[in-house]
């Protein structure tokens, strides 16, 4: 069956440089299901055929093997054209100027029209590295003034007007900017801080080996600290529940003293 749907899917996947696992994730199915499709052991249903055609940018006729010359039709009703628009990449924010003033621009980046974004910032440093946001990545943001708890936001402080990217965490009436790297302390949000955007997408650089090695080293140090804590608890004849109760009592005592 030279033009079977299984052959088409396999050829299109290979032409696109994708693995079965990547195609499966895009469709919300396991890689074993894609393997069954490609071997013609299982036939995708009509909805999956439409989604495959859209993903590969071909017509359903081509996917079903109705084009014997092996090329997609010139007139493809199922072809999806992904439109993009340029948004500004902001450099150092200039005090007293509107956020999207040209004086703040350092360049542009093309983003899909499906993404509701207003501007972008180039990530500097490793404070968000444990969340997969690395130095040199480009954070794509929408303008907000009241962010949602737990989201990644860009904030500036009036003294420096340098933008920083952090988690926005609000609890007990207080808000902080929290890094995704334990080496950095929380930054309490004051009247001098201004939230300028909320992360909606990320343009990433390829991963760097040194970042991975740094994570391994930190994990090793942390594991050793926990090993020491467990060893001390065992020597004292304490089990996990007893240690948890002691920690709970200690925390409550500290909070009571702090008040």
C-alpha atoms as a PDB file:
ATOM      1  CA  UNK A   1       0.000   0.000   0.000  1.00  0.00           C
ATOM      2  CA  UNK A   2       2.354   2.730  -1.222  1.00  0.00           C
ATOM      3  CA  UNK A   3      -0.178   5.495  -0.554  1.00  0.00           C
ATOM      4  CA  UNK A   4      -1.774   4.236   2.661  1.00  0.00           C
ATOM      5  CA  UNK A   5      -2.580   6.731   5.411  1.00  0.00           C
ATOM      6  CA  UNK A   6       0.015   5.040   7.614  1.00  0.00           C
ATOM      7  CA  UNK A   7       2.740   5.622   5.037  1.00  0.00           C
ATOM      8  CA  UNK A   8       1.637   9.242   4.627  1.00  0.00           C
ATOM      9  CA  UNK A   9       1.748   9.915   8.367  1.00  0.00           C
ATOM     10  CA  UNK A  10       5.186   8.335   8.723  1.00  0.00           C
ATOM     11  CA  UNK A  11       6.623  10.211   5.729  1.00  0.00           C
ATOM     12  CA  UNK A  12       5.168  13.554   6.840  1.00  0.00           C
ATOM     13  CA  UNK A  13       6.469  13.016  10.368  1.00  0.00           C
ATOM     14  CA  UNK A  14       9.972  12.206   9.130  1.00  0.00           C
ATOM     15  CA  UNK A  15       9.940  15.157   6.708  1.00  0.00           C
ATOM     16  CA  UNK A  16       9.029  17.403   9.635  1.00  0.00           C
ATOM     17  CA  UNK A  17      11.804  15.934  11.771  1.00  0.00           C
ATOM     18  CA  UNK A  18       9.405  14.851  14.518  1.00  0.00           C
ATOM     19  CA  UNK A  19       9.362  11.733  16.696  1.00  0.00           C
ATOM     20  CA  UNK A  20       6.284   9.602  17.284  1.00  0.00           C
ATOM     21  CA  UNK A  21       6.242  10.885  20.862  1.00  0.00           C
ATOM     22  CA  UNK A  22       6.193  14.532  19.689  1.00  0.00           C
ATOM     23  CA  UNK A  23       3.317  13.863  17.285  1.00  0.00           C
ATOM     24  CA  UNK A  24       1.467  11.995  20.008  1.00  0.00           C
ATOM     25  CA  UNK A  25       1.795  14.889  22.445  1.00  0.00           C
ATOM     26  CA  UNK A  26       0.549  17.334  19.808  1.00  0.00           C
ATOM     27  CA  UNK A  27      -2.559  15.180  19.312  1.00  0.00           C
ATOM     28  CA  UNK A  28      -2.983  14.197  22.954  1.00  0.00           C
ATOM     29  CA  UNK A  29      -2.341  10.479  22.378  1.00  0.00           C
ATOM     30  CA  UNK A  30       0.493   8.094  23.227  1.00  0.00           C
ATOM     31  CA  UNK A  31       3.407   7.400  20.891  1.00  0.00           C
ATOM     32  CA  UNK A  32       2.216   3.792  20.689  1.00  0.00           C
ATOM     33  CA  UNK A  33      -0.979   5.044  19.035  1.00  0.00           C
ATOM     34  CA  UNK A  34       1.042   6.917  16.398  1.00  0.00           C
ATOM     35  CA  UNK A  35       3.039   3.734  15.804  1.00  0.00           C
ATOM     36  CA  UNK A  36      -0.215   1.829  15.213  1.00  0.00           C
ATOM     37  CA  UNK A  37      -1.348   4.521  12.758  1.00  0.00           C
ATOM     38  CA  UNK A  38       1.924   4.375  10.815  1.00  0.00           C
ATOM     39  CA  UNK A  39       1.846   0.588  10.567  1.00  0.00           C
ATOM     40  CA  UNK A  40      -1.804   0.735   9.397  1.00  0.00           C
ATOM     41  CA  UNK A  41      -2.711  -1.488  12.345  1.00  0.00           C
ATOM     42  CA  UNK A  42      -5.172   1.162  13.521  1.00  0.00           C
ATOM     43  CA  UNK A  43      -6.908   3.798  11.414  1.00  0.00           C
ATOM     44  CA  UNK A  44      -7.351   7.287  12.920  1.00  0.00           C
ATOM     45  CA  UNK A  45     -10.918   8.525  13.217  1.00  0.00           C
ATOM     46  CA  UNK A  46     -12.232  11.450  11.147  1.00  0.00           C
ATOM     47  CA  UNK A  47     -11.453  14.070  13.789  1.00  0.00           C
ATOM     48  CA  UNK A  48      -7.868  12.817  14.190  1.00  0.00           C
ATOM     49  CA  UNK A  49      -7.400  12.848  10.400  1.00  0.00           C
ATOM     50  CA  UNK A  50      -8.439  16.513  10.343  1.00  0.00           C
ATOM     51  CA  UNK A  51      -6.044  17.329  13.179  1.00  0.00           C
ATOM     52  CA  UNK A  52      -3.188  15.476  11.483  1.00  0.00           C
ATOM     53  CA  UNK A  53      -3.838  17.324   8.225  1.00  0.00           C
ATOM     54  CA  UNK A  54      -3.821  20.649  10.063  1.00  0.00           C
ATOM     55  CA  UNK A  55      -0.652  19.767  11.973  1.00  0.00           C
ATOM     56  CA  UNK A  56       1.274  18.774   8.839  1.00  0.00           C
ATOM     57  CA  UNK A  57      -0.216  21.521   6.663  1.00  0.00           C
ATOM     58  CA  UNK A  58      -1.680  19.180   4.049  1.00  0.00           C
ATOM     59  CA  UNK A  59      -5.137  18.346   2.734  1.00  0.00           C
ATOM     60  CA  UNK A  60      -7.092  15.394   4.068  1.00  0.00           C
ATOM     61  CA  UNK A  61      -7.095  13.983   0.508  1.00  0.00           C
ATOM     62  CA  UNK A  62      -3.317  13.920   0.513  1.00  0.00           C
ATOM     63  CA  UNK A  63      -3.232  12.335   3.960  1.00  0.00           C
ATOM     64  CA  UNK A  64      -5.656   9.636   2.793  1.00  0.00           C
ATOM     65  CA  UNK A  65      -3.338   8.790  -0.119  1.00  0.00           C
ATOM     66  CA  UNK A  66      -5.511  10.175  -2.912  1.00  0.00           C
ATOM     67  CA  UNK A  67      -2.631  12.075  -4.567  1.00  0.00           C
ATOM     68  CA  UNK A  68      -0.583   9.415  -6.402  1.00  0.00           C
ATOM     69  CA  UNK A  69       2.236  11.848  -7.271  1.00  0.00           C
ATOM     70  CA  UNK A  70       3.082  12.083  -3.577  1.00  0.00           C
ATOM     71  CA  UNK A  71       2.806  15.878  -3.313  1.00  0.00           C
ATOM     72  CA  UNK A  72       0.178  17.939  -1.455  1.00  0.00           C
ATOM     73  CA  UNK A  73      -2.417  19.576  -3.660  1.00  0.00           C
ATOM     74  CA  UNK A  74      -1.756  23.179  -4.671  1.00  0.00           C
ATOM     75  CA  UNK A  75      -5.208  24.170  -3.388  1.00  0.00           C
ATOM     76  CA  UNK A  76      -5.367  22.893   0.170  1.00  0.00           C
ATOM     77  CA  UNK A  77      -8.537  23.628   2.042  1.00  0.00           C
ATOM     78  CA  UNK A  78      -7.048  22.156   5.215  1.00  0.00           C
ATOM     79  CA  UNK A  79      -3.739  24.034   5.125  1.00  0.00           C
ATOM     80  CA  UNK A  80      -3.281  26.281   8.133  1.00  0.00           C
ATOM     81  CA  UNK A  81      -1.333  29.488   7.636  1.00  0.00           C
ATOM     82  CA  UNK A  82       0.214  30.650  10.858  1.00  0.00           C
ATOM     83  CA  UNK A  83       0.244  34.420  10.847  1.00  0.00           C
ATOM     84  CA  UNK A  84       2.682  36.372  12.965  1.00  0.00           C
ATOM     85  CA  UNK A  85       2.977  39.957  14.126  1.00  0.00           C
ATOM     86  CA  UNK A  86       6.013  41.852  15.408  1.00  0.00           C
ATOM     87  CA  UNK A  87       6.121  42.966  19.025  1.00  0.00           C
ATOM     88  CA  UNK A  88       8.851  45.115  20.578  1.00  0.00           C
ATOM     89  CA  UNK A  89      11.642  43.708  22.701  1.00  0.00           C
ATOM     90  CA  UNK A  90      12.169  46.206  25.506  1.00  0.00           C
ATOM     91  CA  UNK A  91      15.583  47.097  26.829  1.00  0.00           C
ATOM     92  CA  UNK A  92      16.084  49.058  30.040  1.00  0.00           C
ATOM     93  CA  UNK A  93      12.828  50.846  30.868  1.00  0.00           C
ATOM     94  CA  UNK A  94      13.221  54.625  30.742  1.00  0.00           C
ATOM     95  CA  UNK A  95      11.730  56.371  33.784  1.00  0.00           C
ATOM     96  CA  UNK A  96       8.843  58.717  33.021  1.00  0.00           C
ATOM     97  CA  UNK A  97       8.199  57.312  29.532  1.00  0.00           C
ATOM     98  CA  UNK A  98       5.246  55.139  28.485  1.00  0.00           C
ATOM     99  CA  UNK A  99       6.167  51.457  28.583  1.00  0.00           C
ATOM    100  CA  UNK A 100       5.773  50.957  24.841  1.00  0.00           C
ATOM    101  CA  UNK A 101       7.556  54.158  23.877  1.00  0.00           C
ATOM    102  CA  UNK A 102      10.051  53.638  21.046  1.00  0.00           C
ATOM    103  CA  UNK A 103      12.779  54.904  23.384  1.00  0.00           C
ATOM    104  CA  UNK A 104      12.451  51.629  25.316  1.00  0.00           C
ATOM    105  CA  UNK A 105      12.724  49.337  22.255  1.00  0.00           C
ATOM    106  CA  UNK A 106      15.834  47.325  21.468  1.00  0.00           C
ATOM    107  CA  UNK A 107      14.379  45.241  18.653  1.00  0.00           C
ATOM    108  CA  UNK A 108      11.397  43.139  17.602  1.00  0.00           C
ATOM    109  CA  UNK A 109      10.340  39.510  17.646  1.00  0.00           C
ATOM    110  CA  UNK A 110       7.662  37.830  15.528  1.00  0.00           C
ATOM    111  CA  UNK A 111       4.966  36.016  17.518  1.00  0.00           C
ATOM    112  CA  UNK A 112       1.881  34.104  16.443  1.00  0.00           C
ATOM    113  CA  UNK A 113      -1.345  36.068  16.254  1.00  0.00           C
ATOM    114  CA  UNK A 114      -2.800  33.319  18.468  1.00  0.00           C
ATOM    115  CA  UNK A 115      -0.716  34.723  21.328  1.00  0.00           C
ATOM    116  CA  UNK A 116      -2.126  37.856  22.919  1.00  0.00           C
ATOM    117  CA  UNK A 117       1.102  39.708  23.653  1.00  0.00           C
ATOM    118  CA  UNK A 118       2.187  43.341  23.835  1.00  0.00           C
ATOM    119  CA  UNK A 119       5.951  43.255  24.328  1.00  0.00           C
ATOM    120  CA  UNK A 120       8.941  41.045  25.101  1.00  0.00           C
ATOM    121  CA  UNK A 121      11.928  41.140  27.441  1.00  0.00           C
ATOM    122  CA  UNK A 122      15.281  39.412  27.110  1.00  0.00           C
ATOM    123  CA  UNK A 123      15.958  37.307  30.205  1.00  0.00           C
ATOM    124  CA  UNK A 124      19.118  38.151  32.110  1.00  0.00           C
ATOM    125  CA  UNK A 125      20.558  35.941  34.844  1.00  0.00           C
ATOM    126  CA  UNK A 126      19.542  32.601  36.344  1.00  0.00           C
ATOM    127  CA  UNK A 127      16.931  33.593  38.939  1.00  0.00           C
ATOM    128  CA  UNK A 128      14.201  31.692  37.009  1.00  0.00           C
ATOM    129  CA  UNK A 129      16.365  28.832  35.772  1.00  0.00           C
ATOM    130  CA  UNK A 130      14.616  26.173  37.863  1.00  0.00           C
ATOM    131  CA  UNK A 131      11.390  26.986  36.019  1.00  0.00           C
ATOM    132  CA  UNK A 132      13.082  26.480  32.658  1.00  0.00           C
ATOM    133  CA  UNK A 133      13.570  30.195  31.973  1.00  0.00           C
ATOM    134  CA  UNK A 134      17.241  30.681  31.174  1.00  0.00           C
ATOM    135  CA  UNK A 135      19.597  33.574  30.556  1.00  0.00           C
ATOM    136  CA  UNK A 136      19.143  34.831  26.984  1.00  0.00           C
ATOM    137  CA  UNK A 137      15.590  33.517  26.518  1.00  0.00           C
ATOM    138  CA  UNK A 138      12.991  36.019  25.373  1.00  0.00           C
ATOM    139  CA  UNK A 139       9.949  36.363  27.626  1.00  0.00           C
ATOM    140  CA  UNK A 140       6.785  37.296  25.722  1.00  0.00           C
ATOM    141  CA  UNK A 141       4.306  39.226  27.854  1.00  0.00           C
ATOM    142  CA  UNK A 142       0.955  40.952  27.885  1.00  0.00           C
ATOM    143  CA  UNK A 143       0.459  44.217  29.752  1.00  0.00           C
ATOM    144  CA  UNK A 144      -1.284  43.811  33.120  1.00  0.00           C
ATOM    145  CA  UNK A 145      -1.458  45.830  36.291  1.00  0.00           C
ATOM    146  CA  UNK A 146      -3.197  43.234  38.487  1.00  0.00           C
ATOM    147  CA  UNK A 147      -1.527  39.862  37.841  1.00  0.00           C
ATOM    148  CA  UNK A 148      -2.864  36.459  38.849  1.00  0.00           C
ATOM    149  CA  UNK A 149      -1.333  34.689  41.839  1.00  0.00           C
ATOM    150  CA  UNK A 150       1.226  32.094  40.750  1.00  0.00           C
ATOM    151  CA  UNK A 151       1.926  33.571  37.318  1.00  0.00           C
ATOM    152  CA  UNK A 152       5.283  34.810  36.055  1.00  0.00           C
ATOM    153  CA  UNK A 153       5.385  38.588  35.825  1.00  0.00           C
ATOM    154  CA  UNK A 154       7.751  41.346  34.808  1.00  0.00           C
ATOM    155  CA  UNK A 155       8.179  44.087  37.394  1.00  0.00           C
ATOM    156  CA  UNK A 156      10.235  47.246  37.680  1.00  0.00           C
ATOM    157  CA  UNK A 157      11.353  49.228  40.712  1.00  0.00           C
ATOM    158  CA  UNK A 158      11.228  53.001  40.468  1.00  0.00           C
ATOM    159  CA  UNK A 159      14.783  53.427  41.745  1.00  0.00           C
ATOM    160  CA  UNK A 160      16.436  51.472  38.930  1.00  0.00           C
ATOM    161  CA  UNK A 161      13.684  50.852  36.343  1.00  0.00           C
ATOM    162  CA  UNK A 162      15.358  47.564  35.465  1.00  0.00           C
ATOM    163  CA  UNK A 163      12.780  44.884  34.648  1.00  0.00           C
ATOM    164  CA  UNK A 164      12.892  41.611  36.576  1.00  0.00           C
ATOM    165  CA  UNK A 165      11.052  38.373  35.805  1.00  0.00           C
ATOM    166  CA  UNK A 166       9.673  36.476  38.808  1.00  0.00           C
ATOM    167  CA  UNK A 167       6.680  34.507  40.105  1.00  0.00           C
ATOM    168  CA  UNK A 168       3.942  36.703  41.567  1.00  0.00           C
ATOM    169  CA  UNK A 169       2.920  35.174  44.886  1.00  0.00           C
ATOM    170  CA  UNK A 170       0.199  36.677  47.072  1.00  0.00           C
ATOM    171  CA  UNK A 171      -0.706  35.315  50.495  1.00  0.00           C
ATOM    172  CA  UNK A 172      -2.136  36.763  53.719  1.00  0.00           C
ATOM    173  CA  UNK A 173      -2.582  40.150  52.075  1.00  0.00           C
ATOM    174  CA  UNK A 174       1.085  40.418  51.105  1.00  0.00           C
ATOM    175  CA  UNK A 175       2.650  39.994  47.661  1.00  0.00           C
ATOM    176  CA  UNK A 176       6.216  39.014  46.807  1.00  0.00           C
ATOM    177  CA  UNK A 177       8.278  38.407  43.707  1.00  0.00           C
ATOM    178  CA  UNK A 178       9.613  34.857  44.035  1.00  0.00           C
ATOM    179  CA  UNK A 179      12.554  33.515  42.057  1.00  0.00           C
ATOM    180  CA  UNK A 180      12.615  29.967  40.690  1.00  0.00           C
ATOM    181  CA  UNK A 181      16.092  29.470  42.101  1.00  0.00           C
ATOM    182  CA  UNK A 182      16.656  28.890  45.840  1.00  0.00           C
ATOM    183  CA  UNK A 183      19.789  31.040  45.751  1.00  0.00           C
ATOM    184  CA  UNK A 184      17.617  34.161  45.434  1.00  0.00           C
ATOM    185  CA  UNK A 185      15.493  35.676  48.201  1.00  0.00           C
ATOM    186  CA  UNK A 186      11.886  36.772  47.813  1.00  0.00           C
ATOM    187  CA  UNK A 187      11.391  40.442  46.961  1.00  0.00           C
ATOM    188  CA  UNK A 188       8.499  42.027  48.885  1.00  0.00           C
ATOM    189  CA  UNK A 189       6.399  44.176  46.543  1.00  0.00           C
ATOM    190  CA  UNK A 190       6.217  47.786  47.757  1.00  0.00           C
ATOM    191  CA  UNK A 191       4.683  50.980  46.434  1.00  0.00           C
ATOM    192  CA  UNK A 192       7.903  51.471  44.455  1.00  0.00           C
ATOM    193  CA  UNK A 193       7.260  48.351  42.380  1.00  0.00           C
ATOM    194  CA  UNK A 194       5.199  48.344  39.220  1.00  0.00           C
ATOM    195  CA  UNK A 195       3.962  45.175  37.506  1.00  0.00           C
ATOM    196  CA  UNK A 196       4.314  45.781  33.774  1.00  0.00           C
ATOM    197  CA  UNK A 197       3.424  42.422  32.261  1.00  0.00           C
ATOM    198  CA  UNK A 198       2.474  38.778  32.672  1.00  0.00           C
ATOM    199  CA  UNK A 199       4.271  35.958  30.837  1.00  0.00           C
ATOM    200  CA  UNK A 200       2.233  34.354  28.044  1.00  0.00           C
ATOM    201  CA  UNK A 201       4.946  32.600  26.040  1.00  0.00           C
ATOM    202  CA  UNK A 202       8.682  32.049  25.851  1.00  0.00           C
ATOM    203  CA  UNK A 203      11.190  32.023  23.009  1.00  0.00           C
ATOM    204  CA  UNK A 204      13.972  29.748  24.221  1.00  0.00           C
ATOM    205  CA  UNK A 205      17.624  29.275  23.450  1.00  0.00           C
ATOM    206  CA  UNK A 206      18.993  25.720  23.245  1.00  0.00           C
ATOM    207  CA  UNK A 207      19.794  24.250  26.692  1.00  0.00           C
ATOM    208  CA  UNK A 208      23.291  24.752  28.089  1.00  0.00           C
ATOM    209  CA  UNK A 209      25.216  21.899  29.730  1.00  0.00           C
ATOM    210  CA  UNK A 210      26.588  24.122  32.498  1.00  0.00           C
ATOM    211  CA  UNK A 211      23.052  24.906  33.699  1.00  0.00           C
ATOM    212  CA  UNK A 212      22.300  21.195  33.984  1.00  0.00           C
ATOM    213  CA  UNK A 213      25.539  20.549  35.886  1.00  0.00           C
ATOM    214  CA  UNK A 214      24.744  23.407  38.272  1.00  0.00           C
ATOM    215  CA  UNK A 215      21.356  21.824  39.027  1.00  0.00           C
ATOM    216  CA  UNK A 216      23.004  18.476  39.713  1.00  0.00           C
ATOM    217  CA  UNK A 217      25.535  20.038  42.071  1.00  0.00           C
ATOM    218  CA  UNK A 218      22.865  21.924  44.026  1.00  0.00           C
ATOM    219  CA  UNK A 219      20.686  18.810  44.212  1.00  0.00           C
ATOM    220  CA  UNK A 220      23.635  16.856  45.591  1.00  0.00           C
ATOM    221  CA  UNK A 221      24.256  19.429  48.322  1.00  0.00           C
ATOM    222  CA  UNK A 222      20.553  19.527  49.228  1.00  0.00           C
ATOM    223  CA  UNK A 223      20.299  15.734  49.350  1.00  0.00           C
ATOM    224  CA  UNK A 224      23.268  15.559  51.755  1.00  0.00           C
ATOM    225  CA  UNK A 225      21.580  18.080  54.076  1.00  0.00           C
ATOM    226  CA  UNK A 226      18.424  15.968  54.157  1.00  0.00           C
ATOM    227  CA  UNK A 227      20.474  12.821  54.735  1.00  0.00           C
ATOM    228  CA  UNK A 228      22.017  14.495  57.787  1.00  0.00           C
ATOM    229  CA  UNK A 229      18.570  15.522  59.101  1.00  0.00           C
ATOM    230  CA  UNK A 230      17.234  11.981  58.679  1.00  0.00           C
ATOM    231  CA  UNK A 231      20.302  10.531  60.399  1.00  0.00           C
ATOM    232  CA  UNK A 232      19.869  12.831  63.421  1.00  0.00           C
ATOM    233  CA  UNK A 233      16.149  11.988  63.648  1.00  0.00           C
ATOM    234  CA  UNK A 234      16.895   8.255  63.542  1.00  0.00           C
ATOM    235  CA  UNK A 235      19.531   8.579  66.246  1.00  0.00           C
ATOM    236  CA  UNK A 236      16.951  10.338  68.421  1.00  0.00           C
ATOM    237  CA  UNK A 237      14.436   7.544  67.799  1.00  0.00           C
ATOM    238  CA  UNK A 238      12.064   9.787  65.853  1.00  0.00           C
ATOM    239  CA  UNK A 239       9.959   8.658  62.884  1.00  0.00           C
ATOM    240  CA  UNK A 240       8.699  10.853  60.050  1.00  0.00           C
ATOM    241  CA  UNK A 241       5.412  11.727  61.758  1.00  0.00           C
ATOM    242  CA  UNK A 242       7.210  12.776  64.954  1.00  0.00           C
ATOM    243  CA  UNK A 243       9.597  15.021  63.011  1.00  0.00           C
ATOM    244  CA  UNK A 244       6.666  16.610  61.147  1.00  0.00           C
ATOM    245  CA  UNK A 245       4.887  17.331  64.455  1.00  0.00           C
ATOM    246  CA  UNK A 246       8.039  18.880  65.948  1.00  0.00           C
ATOM    247  CA  UNK A 247       8.515  21.100  62.916  1.00  0.00           C
ATOM    248  CA  UNK A 248       4.867  22.198  63.081  1.00  0.00           C
ATOM    249  CA  UNK A 249       5.205  23.114  66.774  1.00  0.00           C
ATOM    250  CA  UNK A 250       8.463  24.964  66.121  1.00  0.00           C
ATOM    251  CA  UNK A 251       6.980  26.998  63.264  1.00  0.00           C
ATOM    252  CA  UNK A 252       3.948  27.969  65.352  1.00  0.00           C
ATOM    253  CA  UNK A 253       6.241  29.042  68.214  1.00  0.00           C
ATOM    254  CA  UNK A 254       8.376  31.197  65.913  1.00  0.00           C
ATOM    255  CA  UNK A 255       5.306  32.869  64.451  1.00  0.00           C
ATOM    256  CA  UNK A 256       3.901  33.527  67.917  1.00  0.00           C
ATOM    257  CA  UNK A 257       7.162  35.143  69.049  1.00  0.00           C
ATOM    258  CA  UNK A 258       7.337  37.211  65.848  1.00  0.00           C
ATOM    259  CA  UNK A 259       3.927  38.703  66.604  1.00  0.00           C
END
